[in-house]
Amino acid sequence: MLVKLQEIEQAIDQLSQSEIDELHSWLDQHHPHSIDIRIQRDADSGRLHDTMDRAVKDEAQGRTTPL
């Protein structure tokens, strides 16, 4: 397994920027991070509506700071 991983790492190092972008896109579609899955599940269930509404109101009232 370690040899395969090293081979993959070496192959990635040889990719162009556009190929790396394509790889990122593919990974996002096929192997989403667990946090992405949880956020999507919460969004689909409506559990984020109140939080998003509060964030939008806070931003409109100037109670936020840029990152």
N, C-alpha and C. Protein backbone atom coordinates (compact mmCIF):
# COMPACT_ATOMS: atom_id res chain seq x y z
N MET A 1 0.83 -1.19 0.00
CA MET A 1 0.00 0.00 0.00
C MET A 1 0.87 1.25 0.00
N LEU A 2 1.92 1.27 0.79
CA LEU A 2 2.80 2.43 0.86
C LEU A 2 3.43 2.71 -0.50
N VAL A 3 3.79 1.67 -1.23
CA VAL A 3 4.39 1.86 -2.55
C VAL A 3 3.38 2.51 -3.49
N LYS A 4 2.13 2.06 -3.46
CA LYS A 4 1.11 2.66 -4.30
C LYS A 4 0.92 4.13 -3.95
N LEU A 5 0.88 4.45 -2.67
CA LEU A 5 0.71 5.83 -2.25
C LEU A 5 1.88 6.69 -2.73
N GLN A 6 3.08 6.18 -2.61
CA GLN A 6 4.25 6.92 -3.09
C GLN A 6 4.19 7.14 -4.60
N GLU A 7 3.72 6.13 -5.33
CA GLU A 7 3.59 6.26 -6.78
C GLU A 7 2.55 7.33 -7.12
N ILE A 8 1.46 7.35 -6.38
CA ILE A 8 0.42 8.35 -6.61
C ILE A 8 0.96 9.75 -6.31
N GLU A 9 1.66 9.88 -5.20
CA GLU A 9 2.24 11.18 -4.84
C GLU A 9 3.19 11.67 -5.93
N GLN A 10 4.02 10.78 -6.44
CA GLN A 10 4.97 11.16 -7.49
C GLN A 10 4.23 11.57 -8.77
N ALA A 11 3.17 10.85 -9.09
CA ALA A 11 2.39 11.18 -10.29
C ALA A 11 1.71 12.54 -10.13
N ILE A 12 1.19 12.82 -8.94
CA ILE A 12 0.54 14.10 -8.69
C ILE A 12 1.55 15.24 -8.82
N ASP A 13 2.76 15.03 -8.34
CA ASP A 13 3.79 16.05 -8.44
C ASP A 13 4.09 16.43 -9.89
N GLN A 14 3.77 15.56 -10.83
CA GLN A 14 4.06 15.81 -12.24
C GLN A 14 2.87 16.43 -12.99
N LEU A 15 1.76 16.63 -12.32
CA LEU A 15 0.58 17.18 -12.98
C LEU A 15 0.71 18.68 -13.20
N SER A 16 0.06 19.15 -14.24
CA SER A 16 -0.03 20.60 -14.48
C SER A 16 -1.08 21.17 -13.52
N GLN A 17 -1.12 22.49 -13.41
CA GLN A 17 -2.10 23.11 -12.52
C GLN A 17 -3.53 22.77 -12.92
N SER A 18 -3.81 22.76 -14.21
CA SER A 18 -5.17 22.43 -14.66
C SER A 18 -5.51 20.98 -14.34
N GLU A 19 -4.54 20.08 -14.43
CA GLU A 19 -4.78 18.69 -14.07
C GLU A 19 -5.00 18.54 -12.56
N ILE A 20 -4.29 19.33 -11.77
CA ILE A 20 -4.49 19.32 -10.32
C ILE A 20 -5.88 19.83 -9.99
N ASP A 21 -6.32 20.88 -10.69
CA ASP A 21 -7.68 21.39 -10.49
C ASP A 21 -8.72 20.33 -10.80
N GLU A 22 -8.50 19.59 -11.90
CA GLU A 22 -9.41 18.50 -12.27
C GLU A 22 -9.41 17.41 -11.19
N LEU A 23 -8.24 17.11 -10.65
CA LEU A 23 -8.13 16.10 -9.60
C LEU A 23 -8.90 16.54 -8.35
N HIS A 24 -8.75 17.80 -7.97
CA HIS A 24 -9.49 18.33 -6.82
C HIS A 24 -10.99 18.17 -7.03
N SER A 25 -11.43 18.54 -8.21
CA SER A 25 -12.86 18.44 -8.53
C SER A 25 -13.33 16.99 -8.44
N TRP A 26 -12.56 16.09 -8.99
CA TRP A 26 -12.92 14.67 -8.96
C TRP A 26 -12.97 14.16 -7.52
N LEU A 27 -11.98 14.53 -6.72
CA LEU A 27 -11.95 14.09 -5.32
C LEU A 27 -13.15 14.65 -4.56
N ASP A 28 -13.49 15.91 -4.80
CA ASP A 28 -14.65 16.50 -4.13
C ASP A 28 -15.93 15.76 -4.47
N GLN A 29 -16.05 15.32 -5.71
CA GLN A 29 -17.26 14.63 -6.16
C GLN A 29 -17.31 13.18 -5.66
N HIS A 30 -16.18 12.52 -5.64
CA HIS A 30 -16.17 11.09 -5.34
C HIS A 30 -15.78 10.74 -3.91
N HIS A 31 -15.10 11.64 -3.23
CA HIS A 31 -14.64 11.36 -1.88
C HIS A 31 -14.76 12.61 -1.02
N PRO A 32 -16.01 13.06 -0.79
CA PRO A 32 -16.17 14.28 0.01
C PRO A 32 -15.68 14.08 1.44
N HIS A 33 -15.19 15.15 2.01
CA HIS A 33 -14.75 15.09 3.40
C HIS A 33 -15.95 14.86 4.30
N SER A 34 -15.72 14.24 5.43
CA SER A 34 -16.82 13.95 6.34
C SER A 34 -17.52 15.23 6.78
N ILE A 35 -16.79 16.32 6.95
CA ILE A 35 -17.42 17.58 7.34
C ILE A 35 -18.35 18.06 6.24
N ASP A 36 -17.96 17.89 4.98
CA ASP A 36 -18.81 18.28 3.87
C ASP A 36 -20.10 17.47 3.87
N ILE A 37 -19.98 16.20 4.17
CA ILE A 37 -21.16 15.32 4.21
C ILE A 37 -22.09 15.76 5.32
N ARG A 38 -21.55 16.08 6.50
CA ARG A 38 -22.38 16.51 7.63
C ARG A 38 -23.06 17.84 7.33
N ILE A 39 -22.31 18.77 6.74
CA ILE A 39 -22.90 20.07 6.41
C ILE A 39 -24.02 19.89 5.39
N GLN A 40 -23.79 19.09 4.37
CA GLN A 40 -24.82 18.86 3.36
C GLN A 40 -26.05 18.21 3.97
N ARG A 41 -25.85 17.25 4.84
CA ARG A 41 -26.97 16.58 5.51
C ARG A 41 -27.76 17.57 6.35
N ASP A 42 -27.05 18.43 7.10
CA ASP A 42 -27.72 19.43 7.91
C ASP A 42 -28.46 20.45 7.04
N ALA A 43 -27.86 20.84 5.94
CA ALA A 43 -28.51 21.78 5.02
C ALA A 43 -29.76 21.17 4.42
N ASP A 44 -29.66 19.93 3.99
CA ASP A 44 -30.81 19.25 3.38
C ASP A 44 -31.96 19.09 4.36
N SER A 45 -31.65 18.92 5.64
CA SER A 45 -32.70 18.71 6.64
C SER A 45 -33.29 20.03 7.15
N GLY A 46 -32.68 21.16 6.76
CA GLY A 46 -33.17 22.46 7.21
C GLY A 46 -32.59 22.92 8.52
N ARG A 47 -31.67 22.15 9.09
CA ARG A 47 -31.11 22.48 10.39
C ARG A 47 -30.23 23.72 10.37
N LEU A 48 -29.83 24.19 9.20
CA LEU A 48 -28.95 25.36 9.11
C LEU A 48 -29.71 26.66 8.81
N HIS A 49 -31.01 26.57 8.57
CA HIS A 49 -31.77 27.77 8.18
C HIS A 49 -31.68 28.88 9.22
N ASP A 50 -31.92 28.58 10.48
CA ASP A 50 -31.86 29.61 11.52
C ASP A 50 -30.46 30.19 11.64
N THR A 51 -29.46 29.34 11.56
CA THR A 51 -28.07 29.80 11.66
C THR A 51 -27.74 30.72 10.50
N MET A 52 -28.14 30.35 9.30
CA MET A 52 -27.86 31.18 8.13
C MET A 52 -28.62 32.50 8.21
N ASP A 53 -29.87 32.46 8.64
CA ASP A 53 -30.64 33.70 8.79
C ASP A 53 -29.97 34.64 9.77
N ARG A 54 -29.51 34.10 10.89
CA ARG A 54 -28.84 34.91 11.90
C ARG A 54 -27.54 35.51 11.34
N ALA A 55 -26.79 34.72 10.59
CA ALA A 55 -25.54 35.20 10.00
C ALA A 55 -25.80 36.32 9.01
N VAL A 56 -26.83 36.19 8.20
CA VAL A 56 -27.16 37.23 7.21
C VAL A 56 -27.58 38.52 7.93
N LYS A 57 -28.38 38.39 8.99
CA LYS A 57 -28.80 39.57 9.76
C LYS A 57 -27.60 40.23 10.43
N ASP A 58 -26.72 39.43 11.02
CA ASP A 58 -25.53 39.98 11.66
C ASP A 58 -24.67 40.75 10.66
N GLU A 59 -24.52 40.20 9.48
CA GLU A 59 -23.71 40.85 8.44
C GLU A 59 -24.37 42.15 8.00
N ALA A 60 -25.69 42.14 7.83
CA ALA A 60 -26.41 43.34 7.39
C ALA A 60 -26.34 44.43 8.44
N GLN A 61 -26.25 44.06 9.71
CA GLN A 61 -26.23 45.04 10.80
C GLN A 61 -24.79 45.39 11.22
N GLY A 62 -23.81 44.94 10.43
CA GLY A 62 -22.42 45.30 10.69
C GLY A 62 -21.80 44.62 11.89
N ARG A 63 -22.34 43.49 12.30
CA ARG A 63 -21.80 42.78 13.46
C ARG A 63 -20.83 41.66 13.07
N THR A 64 -20.21 41.80 11.90
CA THR A 64 -19.24 40.80 11.47
C THR A 64 -17.93 41.50 11.12
N THR A 65 -16.88 40.73 11.05
CA THR A 65 -15.59 41.26 10.63
C THR A 65 -15.05 40.39 9.51
N PRO A 66 -14.34 41.00 8.57
CA PRO A 66 -13.76 40.21 7.48
C PRO A 66 -12.73 39.22 8.01
N LEU A 67 -12.62 38.11 7.33
CA LEU A 67 -11.62 37.12 7.72
C LEU A 67 -10.24 37.58 7.34
